[in-house]
Amino acid sequence: MRFLRHLVTGEVVEVGLVRLHLMELTPAGSPTGRVVAFANSVIFQFTAGLFKQIPGTSFAWHEVTITLAADSDYLLVEKRLAPVVNKIYEQYGAEMEKQYQEMERTLAPLPENAMKPRTRLRFTSSGLEVVLRFPVGIRNAAETDDLVTRELLKEIHNDPELRLAESGPAIKLSTGNSDPNSTS
């Protein structure tokens, strides 16, 4: 059962006498690592939800968006940039897997590869936008973001076929808990 209320999508994990608990999911069905508690008395009011991290988890989804020149070869972009994030993820992926297993044990079966990094491409007026999304441990999020950004810039610098777009910000970091399958 899914529930949508003011941009909160989730799967009902517990219905109690006092409150309803949802495991927050992205539109693609990936868990965000949070449980939303809605008081039964105010379930249909705008300010009803209270977010808290799922017990046994401590992660968030982060993304780096890079805008490359419009004439960039998208196959080359995927071949060169996705492995950079995947290599860094391997350093802490075992911890993400433990958290994934804890969510499955606590709440419900989850989609396979729900906690893996993802790459999305789209054309914009500024060029080819590459969105690299990855889960990070909350305690090490800043260090992970820094490492991902440095390694991506190094990869772009080392390959003359990967050119940053000339207009607008070429690289930006987002630390929200939104959909890991989204490009917006």
N, C-alpha and C. Protein backbone atom coordinates (compact mmCIF):
# COMPACT_ATOMS: atom_id res chain seq x y z
N MET A 1 0.85 -1.18 0.00
CA MET A 1 0.00 0.00 0.00
C MET A 1 0.89 1.23 0.00
N ARG A 2 0.61 2.15 -0.85
CA ARG A 2 1.37 3.40 -0.90
C ARG A 2 0.48 4.54 -0.47
N PHE A 3 1.11 5.56 0.06
CA PHE A 3 0.39 6.72 0.57
C PHE A 3 1.10 7.96 0.07
N LEU A 4 0.36 8.90 -0.48
CA LEU A 4 0.96 10.14 -0.96
C LEU A 4 0.23 11.30 -0.30
N ARG A 5 1.01 12.15 0.39
CA ARG A 5 0.45 13.30 1.07
C ARG A 5 1.51 14.39 1.08
N HIS A 6 1.30 15.45 0.36
CA HIS A 6 2.22 16.59 0.35
C HIS A 6 3.65 16.15 0.08
N LEU A 7 3.86 15.50 -1.04
CA LEU A 7 5.17 15.08 -1.50
C LEU A 7 5.84 14.04 -0.62
N VAL A 8 5.09 13.35 0.21
CA VAL A 8 5.64 12.24 0.97
C VAL A 8 5.04 10.97 0.41
N THR A 9 5.89 10.14 -0.15
CA THR A 9 5.44 8.86 -0.67
C THR A 9 6.05 7.80 0.21
N GLY A 10 5.26 6.83 0.60
CA GLY A 10 5.80 5.80 1.47
C GLY A 10 4.96 4.56 1.47
N GLU A 11 5.47 3.57 2.16
CA GLU A 11 4.78 2.32 2.33
C GLU A 11 4.39 2.21 3.79
N VAL A 12 3.14 1.88 4.04
CA VAL A 12 2.67 1.77 5.41
C VAL A 12 3.38 0.59 6.07
N VAL A 13 4.03 0.86 7.20
CA VAL A 13 4.74 -0.20 7.91
C VAL A 13 4.10 -0.51 9.26
N GLU A 14 3.28 0.41 9.76
CA GLU A 14 2.60 0.16 11.02
C GLU A 14 1.40 1.09 11.14
N VAL A 15 0.27 0.51 11.53
CA VAL A 15 -0.91 1.30 11.84
C VAL A 15 -1.21 1.05 13.30
N GLY A 16 -1.11 2.08 14.10
CA GLY A 16 -1.36 1.96 15.53
C GLY A 16 -2.61 2.70 15.94
N LEU A 17 -2.92 2.64 17.22
CA LEU A 17 -4.09 3.35 17.74
C LEU A 17 -3.90 4.85 17.72
N VAL A 18 -2.64 5.30 17.80
CA VAL A 18 -2.36 6.73 17.90
C VAL A 18 -1.77 7.29 16.61
N ARG A 19 -0.95 6.50 15.91
CA ARG A 19 -0.29 7.04 14.72
C ARG A 19 -0.08 5.97 13.65
N LEU A 20 0.17 6.46 12.46
CA LEU A 20 0.47 5.65 11.29
C LEU A 20 1.93 5.91 10.92
N HIS A 21 2.71 4.85 10.63
CA HIS A 21 4.11 5.01 10.23
C HIS A 21 4.29 4.58 8.78
N LEU A 22 5.00 5.42 8.02
CA LEU A 22 5.32 5.12 6.62
C LEU A 22 6.83 5.04 6.47
N MET A 23 7.29 4.07 5.69
CA MET A 23 8.69 4.06 5.27
C MET A 23 8.72 4.96 4.04
N GLU A 24 9.43 6.08 4.10
CA GLU A 24 9.46 7.02 2.98
C GLU A 24 10.17 6.37 1.80
N LEU A 25 9.55 6.49 0.63
CA LEU A 25 10.10 5.94 -0.60
C LEU A 25 10.20 7.03 -1.65
N THR A 26 11.14 6.88 -2.54
CA THR A 26 11.22 7.76 -3.69
C THR A 26 10.16 7.33 -4.69
N PRO A 27 9.84 8.12 -5.70
CA PRO A 27 8.86 7.68 -6.71
C PRO A 27 9.23 6.38 -7.39
N ALA A 28 10.51 6.05 -7.43
CA ALA A 28 10.95 4.80 -8.03
C ALA A 28 10.88 3.63 -7.05
N GLY A 29 10.51 3.91 -5.80
CA GLY A 29 10.37 2.83 -4.82
C GLY A 29 11.59 2.58 -3.96
N SER A 30 12.61 3.41 -4.05
CA SER A 30 13.81 3.24 -3.24
C SER A 30 13.60 3.89 -1.88
N PRO A 31 14.04 3.25 -0.80
CA PRO A 31 13.88 3.85 0.52
C PRO A 31 14.80 5.04 0.71
N THR A 32 14.34 6.05 1.43
CA THR A 32 15.16 7.22 1.72
C THR A 32 15.90 7.08 3.03
N GLY A 33 15.53 6.10 3.85
CA GLY A 33 16.15 5.92 5.15
C GLY A 33 15.38 6.58 6.28
N ARG A 34 14.19 7.08 5.98
CA ARG A 34 13.41 7.76 7.00
C ARG A 34 12.05 7.09 7.15
N VAL A 35 11.50 7.18 8.34
CA VAL A 35 10.13 6.77 8.62
C VAL A 35 9.36 8.04 8.94
N VAL A 36 8.15 8.16 8.40
CA VAL A 36 7.31 9.31 8.65
C VAL A 36 6.19 8.87 9.58
N ALA A 37 6.00 9.61 10.67
CA ALA A 37 4.93 9.30 11.62
C ALA A 37 3.82 10.32 11.45
N PHE A 38 2.61 9.84 11.22
CA PHE A 38 1.44 10.70 11.10
C PHE A 38 0.50 10.37 12.26
N ALA A 39 0.16 11.38 13.05
CA ALA A 39 -0.81 11.19 14.12
C ALA A 39 -2.16 10.90 13.49
N ASN A 40 -2.85 9.90 13.98
CA ASN A 40 -4.16 9.55 13.42
C ASN A 40 -5.15 10.70 13.52
N SER A 41 -5.05 11.50 14.55
CA SER A 41 -6.01 12.60 14.74
C SER A 41 -5.83 13.73 13.72
N VAL A 42 -4.66 13.83 13.14
CA VAL A 42 -4.41 14.91 12.19
C VAL A 42 -3.89 14.41 10.85
N ILE A 43 -4.19 13.18 10.53
CA ILE A 43 -3.64 12.54 9.33
C ILE A 43 -3.91 13.34 8.06
N PHE A 44 -5.01 14.06 8.01
CA PHE A 44 -5.33 14.79 6.79
C PHE A 44 -5.00 16.28 6.88
N GLN A 45 -4.29 16.67 7.92
CA GLN A 45 -3.88 18.07 8.03
C GLN A 45 -2.51 18.24 7.37
N PHE A 46 -2.25 19.44 6.89
CA PHE A 46 -1.03 19.74 6.14
C PHE A 46 0.25 19.49 6.94
N THR A 47 0.28 19.77 8.21
CA THR A 47 1.51 19.68 9.01
C THR A 47 1.61 18.39 9.80
N ALA A 48 1.02 17.32 9.31
CA ALA A 48 0.90 16.10 10.10
C ALA A 48 2.18 15.29 10.23
N GLY A 49 3.07 15.27 9.27
CA GLY A 49 4.19 14.33 9.27
C GLY A 49 5.39 14.76 10.10
N LEU A 50 5.99 13.82 10.78
CA LEU A 50 7.24 14.02 11.51
C LEU A 50 8.23 12.99 10.99
N PHE A 51 9.36 13.44 10.46
CA PHE A 51 10.34 12.53 9.89
C PHE A 51 11.34 12.09 10.94
N LYS A 52 11.72 10.83 10.88
CA LYS A 52 12.81 10.34 11.70
C LYS A 52 13.51 9.24 10.92
N GLN A 53 14.76 9.03 11.22
CA GLN A 53 15.55 8.03 10.53
C GLN A 53 15.04 6.64 10.91
N ILE A 54 15.02 5.72 9.96
CA ILE A 54 14.63 4.34 10.24
C ILE A 54 15.63 3.77 11.24
N PRO A 55 15.17 3.10 12.28
CA PRO A 55 16.10 2.52 13.26
C PRO A 55 17.14 1.63 12.58
N GLY A 56 18.39 1.79 12.98
CA GLY A 56 19.47 1.00 12.40
C GLY A 56 20.06 1.59 11.13
N THR A 57 19.58 2.77 10.72
CA THR A 57 20.11 3.40 9.51
C THR A 57 20.61 4.81 9.82
N SER A 58 21.54 5.24 9.00
CA SER A 58 22.09 6.58 9.15
C SER A 58 22.69 7.01 7.81
N PHE A 59 21.82 7.23 6.82
CA PHE A 59 22.29 7.61 5.50
C PHE A 59 21.36 8.65 4.88
N ALA A 60 21.85 9.28 3.83
CA ALA A 60 21.07 10.22 3.04
C ALA A 60 21.52 10.08 1.59
N TRP A 61 20.72 10.57 0.67
CA TRP A 61 21.09 10.57 -0.74
C TRP A 61 21.69 11.92 -1.09
N HIS A 62 22.85 11.89 -1.72
CA HIS A 62 23.50 13.10 -2.21
C HIS A 62 23.68 12.97 -3.72
N GLU A 63 23.86 14.11 -4.36
CA GLU A 63 24.09 14.07 -5.80
C GLU A 63 25.06 15.17 -6.21
N VAL A 64 25.80 14.86 -7.25
CA VAL A 64 26.65 15.84 -7.90
C VAL A 64 26.11 15.99 -9.32
N THR A 65 25.85 17.23 -9.71
CA THR A 65 25.37 17.51 -11.06
C THR A 65 26.47 18.24 -11.80
N ILE A 66 26.83 17.69 -12.94
CA ILE A 66 27.88 18.27 -13.77
C ILE A 66 27.28 18.60 -15.12
N THR A 67 27.50 19.80 -15.59
CA THR A 67 27.04 20.17 -16.92
C THR A 67 28.23 20.20 -17.85
N LEU A 68 28.20 19.31 -18.83
CA LEU A 68 29.26 19.19 -19.82
C LEU A 68 28.83 19.86 -21.12
N ALA A 69 29.78 20.08 -21.99
CA ALA A 69 29.50 20.69 -23.29
C ALA A 69 28.41 19.88 -24.01
N ALA A 70 27.56 20.58 -24.75
CA ALA A 70 26.42 19.94 -25.41
C ALA A 70 26.83 18.86 -26.41
N ASP A 71 28.01 18.95 -26.98
CA ASP A 71 28.44 17.97 -27.97
C ASP A 71 29.16 16.77 -27.34
N SER A 72 29.07 16.62 -26.03
CA SER A 72 29.72 15.50 -25.33
C SER A 72 29.10 14.18 -25.75
N ASP A 73 29.94 13.16 -25.84
CA ASP A 73 29.50 11.81 -26.17
C ASP A 73 28.95 11.17 -24.90
N TYR A 74 27.64 10.96 -24.86
CA TYR A 74 27.01 10.47 -23.64
C TYR A 74 27.51 9.09 -23.25
N LEU A 75 27.87 8.25 -24.21
CA LEU A 75 28.41 6.92 -23.87
C LEU A 75 29.76 7.06 -23.17
N LEU A 76 30.59 7.96 -23.65
CA LEU A 76 31.88 8.21 -23.02
C LEU A 76 31.68 8.78 -21.61
N VAL A 77 30.72 9.69 -21.48
CA VAL A 77 30.44 10.30 -20.18
C VAL A 77 30.08 9.22 -19.17
N GLU A 78 29.15 8.34 -19.51
CA GLU A 78 28.77 7.26 -18.60
C GLU A 78 29.94 6.33 -18.31
N LYS A 79 30.71 6.03 -19.35
CA LYS A 79 31.84 5.10 -19.20
C LYS A 79 32.92 5.66 -18.28
N ARG A 80 33.12 6.97 -18.29
CA ARG A 80 34.20 7.58 -17.51
C ARG A 80 33.77 8.07 -16.14
N LEU A 81 32.56 8.62 -15.99
CA LEU A 81 32.18 9.26 -14.72
C LEU A 81 31.48 8.32 -13.74
N ALA A 82 30.61 7.44 -14.21
CA ALA A 82 29.92 6.52 -13.28
C ALA A 82 30.90 5.66 -12.48
N PRO A 83 31.95 5.12 -13.11
CA PRO A 83 32.89 4.30 -12.34
C PRO A 83 33.62 5.08 -11.23
N VAL A 84 33.76 6.38 -11.40
CA VAL A 84 34.41 7.18 -10.35
C VAL A 84 33.59 7.10 -9.06
N VAL A 85 32.30 7.32 -9.17
CA VAL A 85 31.43 7.27 -8.00
C VAL A 85 31.34 5.84 -7.47
N ASN A 86 31.23 4.87 -8.37
CA ASN A 86 31.14 3.47 -7.93
C ASN A 86 32.38 3.04 -7.17
N LYS A 87 33.55 3.49 -7.60
CA LYS A 87 34.80 3.13 -6.91
C LYS A 87 34.83 3.70 -5.49
N ILE A 88 34.38 4.92 -5.34
CA ILE A 88 34.33 5.54 -4.01
C ILE A 88 33.28 4.83 -3.15
N TYR A 89 32.14 4.51 -3.74
CA TYR A 89 31.08 3.82 -3.02
C TYR A 89 31.56 2.47 -2.49
N GLU A 90 32.41 1.79 -3.24
CA GLU A 90 32.94 0.49 -2.80
C GLU A 90 33.64 0.59 -1.45
N GLN A 91 34.21 1.75 -1.14
CA GLN A 91 34.93 1.94 0.12
C GLN A 91 34.00 1.88 1.33
N TYR A 92 32.73 2.24 1.17
CA TYR A 92 31.80 2.23 2.29
C TYR A 92 30.51 1.48 1.97
N GLY A 93 30.46 0.83 0.83
CA GLY A 93 29.25 0.12 0.39
C GLY A 93 28.79 -0.98 1.33
N ALA A 94 29.73 -1.63 2.02
CA ALA A 94 29.35 -2.68 2.96
C ALA A 94 28.47 -2.12 4.08
N GLU A 95 28.78 -0.90 4.53
CA GLU A 95 27.96 -0.27 5.56
C GLU A 95 26.57 0.08 5.02
N MET A 96 26.49 0.52 3.77
CA MET A 96 25.19 0.81 3.17
C MET A 96 24.38 -0.48 3.03
N GLU A 97 25.04 -1.57 2.70
CA GLU A 97 24.37 -2.86 2.56
C GLU A 97 23.80 -3.32 3.91
N LYS A 98 24.54 -3.11 5.00
CA LYS A 98 24.03 -3.45 6.33
C LYS A 98 22.77 -2.65 6.64
N GLN A 99 22.78 -1.38 6.29
CA GLN A 99 21.61 -0.54 6.55
C GLN A 99 20.42 -0.98 5.69
N TYR A 100 20.71 -1.35 4.45
CA TYR A 100 19.68 -1.87 3.56
C TYR A 100 19.04 -3.12 4.16
N GLN A 101 19.88 -4.03 4.66
CA GLN A 101 19.38 -5.27 5.27
C GLN A 101 18.56 -4.97 6.52
N GLU A 102 18.98 -3.98 7.29
CA GLU A 102 18.24 -3.59 8.49
C GLU A 102 16.86 -3.04 8.11
N MET A 103 16.79 -2.25 7.05
CA MET A 103 15.50 -1.73 6.60
C MET A 103 14.60 -2.87 6.15
N GLU A 104 15.15 -3.84 5.43
CA GLU A 104 14.35 -4.98 4.99
C GLU A 104 13.86 -5.80 6.18
N ARG A 105 14.73 -6.00 7.16
CA ARG A 105 14.37 -6.78 8.33
C ARG A 105 13.29 -6.06 9.14
N THR A 106 13.43 -4.76 9.27
CA THR A 106 12.53 -3.96 10.10
C THR A 106 11.19 -3.68 9.41
N LEU A 107 11.22 -3.41 8.12
CA LEU A 107 10.04 -2.86 7.47
C LEU A 107 9.40 -3.77 6.43
N ALA A 108 10.06 -4.00 5.34
CA ALA A 108 9.44 -4.73 4.24
C ALA A 108 10.51 -5.06 3.20
N PRO A 109 10.21 -5.99 2.29
CA PRO A 109 11.14 -6.23 1.18
C PRO A 109 11.31 -4.96 0.35
N LEU A 110 12.53 -4.72 -0.10
CA LEU A 110 12.85 -3.52 -0.86
C LEU A 110 13.36 -3.91 -2.24
N PRO A 111 13.31 -2.97 -3.17
CA PRO A 111 13.84 -3.27 -4.51
C PRO A 111 15.34 -3.59 -4.45
N GLU A 112 15.76 -4.51 -5.31
CA GLU A 112 17.18 -4.83 -5.40
C GLU A 112 17.95 -3.60 -5.87
N ASN A 113 19.19 -3.48 -5.44
CA ASN A 113 20.06 -2.36 -5.81
C ASN A 113 19.51 -1.01 -5.38
N ALA A 114 18.65 -0.98 -4.38
CA ALA A 114 18.06 0.28 -3.93
C ALA A 114 19.11 1.23 -3.37
N MET A 115 20.21 0.70 -2.86
CA MET A 115 21.22 1.54 -2.22
C MET A 115 22.46 1.75 -3.09
N LYS A 116 22.37 1.52 -4.36
CA LYS A 116 23.52 1.67 -5.26
C LYS A 116 23.52 3.05 -5.91
N PRO A 117 24.72 3.55 -6.24
CA PRO A 117 24.80 4.83 -6.97
C PRO A 117 24.10 4.73 -8.33
N ARG A 118 23.61 5.87 -8.79
CA ARG A 118 22.90 5.93 -10.07
C ARG A 118 23.40 7.13 -10.87
N THR A 119 23.35 6.98 -12.17
CA THR A 119 23.74 8.06 -13.08
C THR A 119 22.57 8.33 -14.02
N ARG A 120 22.26 9.61 -14.19
CA ARG A 120 21.22 10.02 -15.12
C ARG A 120 21.78 11.12 -15.99
N LEU A 121 21.39 11.10 -17.25
CA LEU A 121 21.82 12.11 -18.22
C LEU A 121 20.59 12.79 -18.80
N ARG A 122 20.74 14.08 -19.08
CA ARG A 122 19.69 14.79 -19.79
C ARG A 122 20.29 16.00 -20.46
N PHE A 123 19.68 16.37 -21.59
CA PHE A 123 20.12 17.56 -22.30
C PHE A 123 19.37 18.76 -21.75
N THR A 124 20.10 19.84 -21.52
CA THR A 124 19.51 21.10 -21.08
C THR A 124 19.99 22.19 -22.02
N SER A 125 19.52 23.39 -21.83
CA SER A 125 19.96 24.50 -22.68
C SER A 125 21.44 24.82 -22.44
N SER A 126 21.99 24.40 -21.31
CA SER A 126 23.40 24.66 -21.00
C SER A 126 24.33 23.57 -21.51
N GLY A 127 23.80 22.40 -21.81
CA GLY A 127 24.64 21.29 -22.27
C GLY A 127 24.10 19.95 -21.80
N LEU A 128 24.98 18.97 -21.70
CA LEU A 128 24.63 17.64 -21.24
C LEU A 128 24.78 17.61 -19.72
N GLU A 129 23.67 17.45 -19.03
CA GLU A 129 23.69 17.44 -17.57
C GLU A 129 23.82 15.99 -17.09
N VAL A 130 24.80 15.76 -16.25
CA VAL A 130 25.06 14.44 -15.68
C VAL A 130 24.76 14.53 -14.19
N VAL A 131 23.84 13.70 -13.73
CA VAL A 131 23.48 13.68 -12.32
C VAL A 131 23.95 12.34 -11.75
N LEU A 132 24.86 12.41 -10.80
CA LEU A 132 25.40 11.22 -10.14
C LEU A 132 24.88 11.21 -8.71
N ARG A 133 24.01 10.25 -8.40
CA ARG A 133 23.39 10.16 -7.07
C ARG A 133 23.96 8.96 -6.34
N PHE A 134 24.16 9.14 -5.03
CA PHE A 134 24.78 8.08 -4.25
C PHE A 134 24.37 8.22 -2.79
N PRO A 135 24.18 7.09 -2.11
CA PRO A 135 23.89 7.19 -0.68
C PRO A 135 25.19 7.45 0.08
N VAL A 136 25.08 8.20 1.15
CA VAL A 136 26.26 8.48 2.00
C VAL A 136 25.89 8.26 3.45
N GLY A 137 26.86 7.82 4.23
CA GLY A 137 26.66 7.75 5.66
C GLY A 137 26.60 9.16 6.20
N ILE A 138 25.66 9.44 7.08
CA ILE A 138 25.49 10.81 7.57
C ILE A 138 26.74 11.33 8.26
N ARG A 139 27.42 10.47 9.01
CA ARG A 139 28.62 10.92 9.74
C ARG A 139 29.77 11.31 8.81
N ASN A 140 29.87 10.67 7.66
CA ASN A 140 30.98 10.91 6.73
C ASN A 140 30.53 11.61 5.46
N ALA A 141 29.37 12.21 5.47
CA ALA A 141 28.81 12.79 4.24
C ALA A 141 29.70 13.86 3.62
N ALA A 142 30.21 14.78 4.43
CA ALA A 142 31.03 15.87 3.89
C ALA A 142 32.30 15.34 3.25
N GLU A 143 32.95 14.39 3.92
CA GLU A 143 34.18 13.81 3.38
C GLU A 143 33.91 13.06 2.08
N THR A 144 32.79 12.32 2.05
CA THR A 144 32.43 11.58 0.84
C THR A 144 32.12 12.53 -0.30
N ASP A 145 31.35 13.59 -0.02
CA ASP A 145 31.04 14.58 -1.05
C ASP A 145 32.31 15.20 -1.62
N ASP A 146 33.23 15.54 -0.73
CA ASP A 146 34.50 16.15 -1.15
C ASP A 146 35.29 15.19 -2.04
N LEU A 147 35.38 13.94 -1.62
CA LEU A 147 36.13 12.95 -2.40
C LEU A 147 35.49 12.72 -3.77
N VAL A 148 34.17 12.59 -3.81
CA VAL A 148 33.47 12.39 -5.09
C VAL A 148 33.72 13.57 -6.01
N THR A 149 33.56 14.77 -5.50
CA THR A 149 33.75 15.97 -6.33
C THR A 149 35.18 16.06 -6.85
N ARG A 150 36.16 15.85 -5.98
CA ARG A 150 37.56 15.92 -6.41
C ARG A 150 37.88 14.89 -7.49
N GLU A 151 37.42 13.66 -7.27
CA GLU A 151 37.72 12.60 -8.23
C GLU A 151 37.01 12.81 -9.57
N LEU A 152 35.79 13.33 -9.53
CA LEU A 152 35.10 13.64 -10.79
C LEU A 152 35.81 14.74 -11.55
N LEU A 153 36.22 15.79 -10.85
CA LEU A 153 36.95 16.88 -11.51
C LEU A 153 38.28 16.39 -12.08
N LYS A 154 38.95 15.51 -11.34
CA LYS A 154 40.21 14.95 -11.83
C LYS A 154 39.97 14.15 -13.12
N GLU A 155 38.92 13.35 -13.14
CA GLU A 155 38.60 12.55 -14.33
C GLU A 155 38.28 13.45 -15.52
N ILE A 156 37.51 14.50 -15.28
CA ILE A 156 37.18 15.44 -16.37
C ILE A 156 38.44 16.14 -16.86
N HIS A 157 39.29 16.56 -15.95
CA HIS A 157 40.53 17.25 -16.31
C HIS A 157 41.46 16.34 -17.12
N ASN A 158 41.49 15.05 -16.82
CA ASN A 158 42.39 14.11 -17.49
C ASN A 158 41.89 13.64 -18.84
N ASP A 159 40.66 13.92 -19.20
CA ASP A 159 40.12 13.47 -20.48
C ASP A 159 39.68 14.68 -21.29
N PRO A 160 40.42 15.01 -22.37
CA PRO A 160 40.08 16.20 -23.16
C PRO A 160 38.71 16.12 -23.84
N GLU A 161 38.15 14.92 -23.95
CA GLU A 161 36.83 14.79 -24.57
C GLU A 161 35.71 15.14 -23.60
N LEU A 162 36.02 15.24 -22.32
CA LEU A 162 35.04 15.65 -21.31
C LEU A 162 35.28 17.11 -20.98
N ARG A 163 34.45 17.98 -21.53
CA ARG A 163 34.61 19.42 -21.32
C ARG A 163 33.41 19.96 -20.56
N LEU A 164 33.69 20.74 -19.53
CA LEU A 164 32.62 21.39 -18.78
C LEU A 164 31.93 22.41 -19.66
N ALA A 165 30.64 22.63 -19.42
CA ALA A 165 29.88 23.62 -20.17
C ALA A 165 30.44 25.00 -19.85
N GLU A 166 30.33 25.89 -20.81
CA GLU A 166 30.87 27.24 -20.63
C GLU A 166 29.89 28.19 -19.97
N SER A 167 28.60 27.87 -19.99
CA SER A 167 27.62 28.79 -19.41
C SER A 167 27.04 28.20 -18.13
N GLY A 168 26.82 29.05 -17.15
CA GLY A 168 26.21 28.63 -15.90
C GLY A 168 27.14 27.80 -15.04
N PRO A 169 26.66 27.40 -13.86
CA PRO A 169 27.50 26.58 -12.98
C PRO A 169 27.71 25.20 -13.61
N ALA A 170 28.95 24.77 -13.68
CA ALA A 170 29.26 23.50 -14.33
C ALA A 170 29.15 22.32 -13.37
N ILE A 171 29.29 22.56 -12.07
CA ILE A 171 29.21 21.46 -11.12
C ILE A 171 28.54 21.96 -9.85
N LYS A 172 27.61 21.18 -9.32
CA LYS A 172 26.94 21.55 -8.07
C LYS A 172 26.62 20.30 -7.28
N LEU A 173 26.54 20.47 -5.97
CA LEU A 173 26.29 19.38 -5.04
C LEU A 173 24.94 19.59 -4.39
N SER A 174 24.15 18.53 -4.29
CA SER A 174 22.88 18.58 -3.59
C SER A 174 22.88 17.52 -2.50
N THR A 175 22.40 17.87 -1.32
CA THR A 175 22.44 16.94 -0.21
C THR A 175 21.03 16.61 0.30
N GLY A 176 20.04 16.63 -0.59
CA GLY A 176 18.67 16.34 -0.19
C GLY A 176 18.40 14.86 -0.09
N ASN A 177 17.19 14.53 0.37
CA ASN A 177 16.76 13.15 0.51
C ASN A 177 15.73 12.79 -0.56
N SER A 178 15.86 13.39 -1.72
CA SER A 178 14.87 13.16 -2.75
C SER A 178 15.16 11.88 -3.53
N ASP A 179 14.46 11.70 -4.60
CA ASP A 179 14.48 10.49 -5.41
C ASP A 179 15.84 10.22 -6.03
N PRO A 180 16.44 9.05 -5.76
CA PRO A 180 17.72 8.74 -6.38
C PRO A 180 17.62 8.42 -7.85
N ASN A 181 16.43 8.26 -8.37
CA ASN A 181 16.25 7.97 -9.79
C ASN A 181 15.88 9.22 -10.56
N SER A 182 15.73 10.32 -9.89
CA SER A 182 15.31 11.57 -10.52
C SER A 182 16.51 12.34 -11.04
N THR A 183 16.25 13.23 -11.99
CA THR A 183 17.30 14.11 -12.47
C THR A 183 17.01 15.54 -12.11
N SER A 184 16.00 15.79 -11.34
CA SER A 184 15.70 17.18 -10.99
C SER A 184 15.99 17.45 -9.55
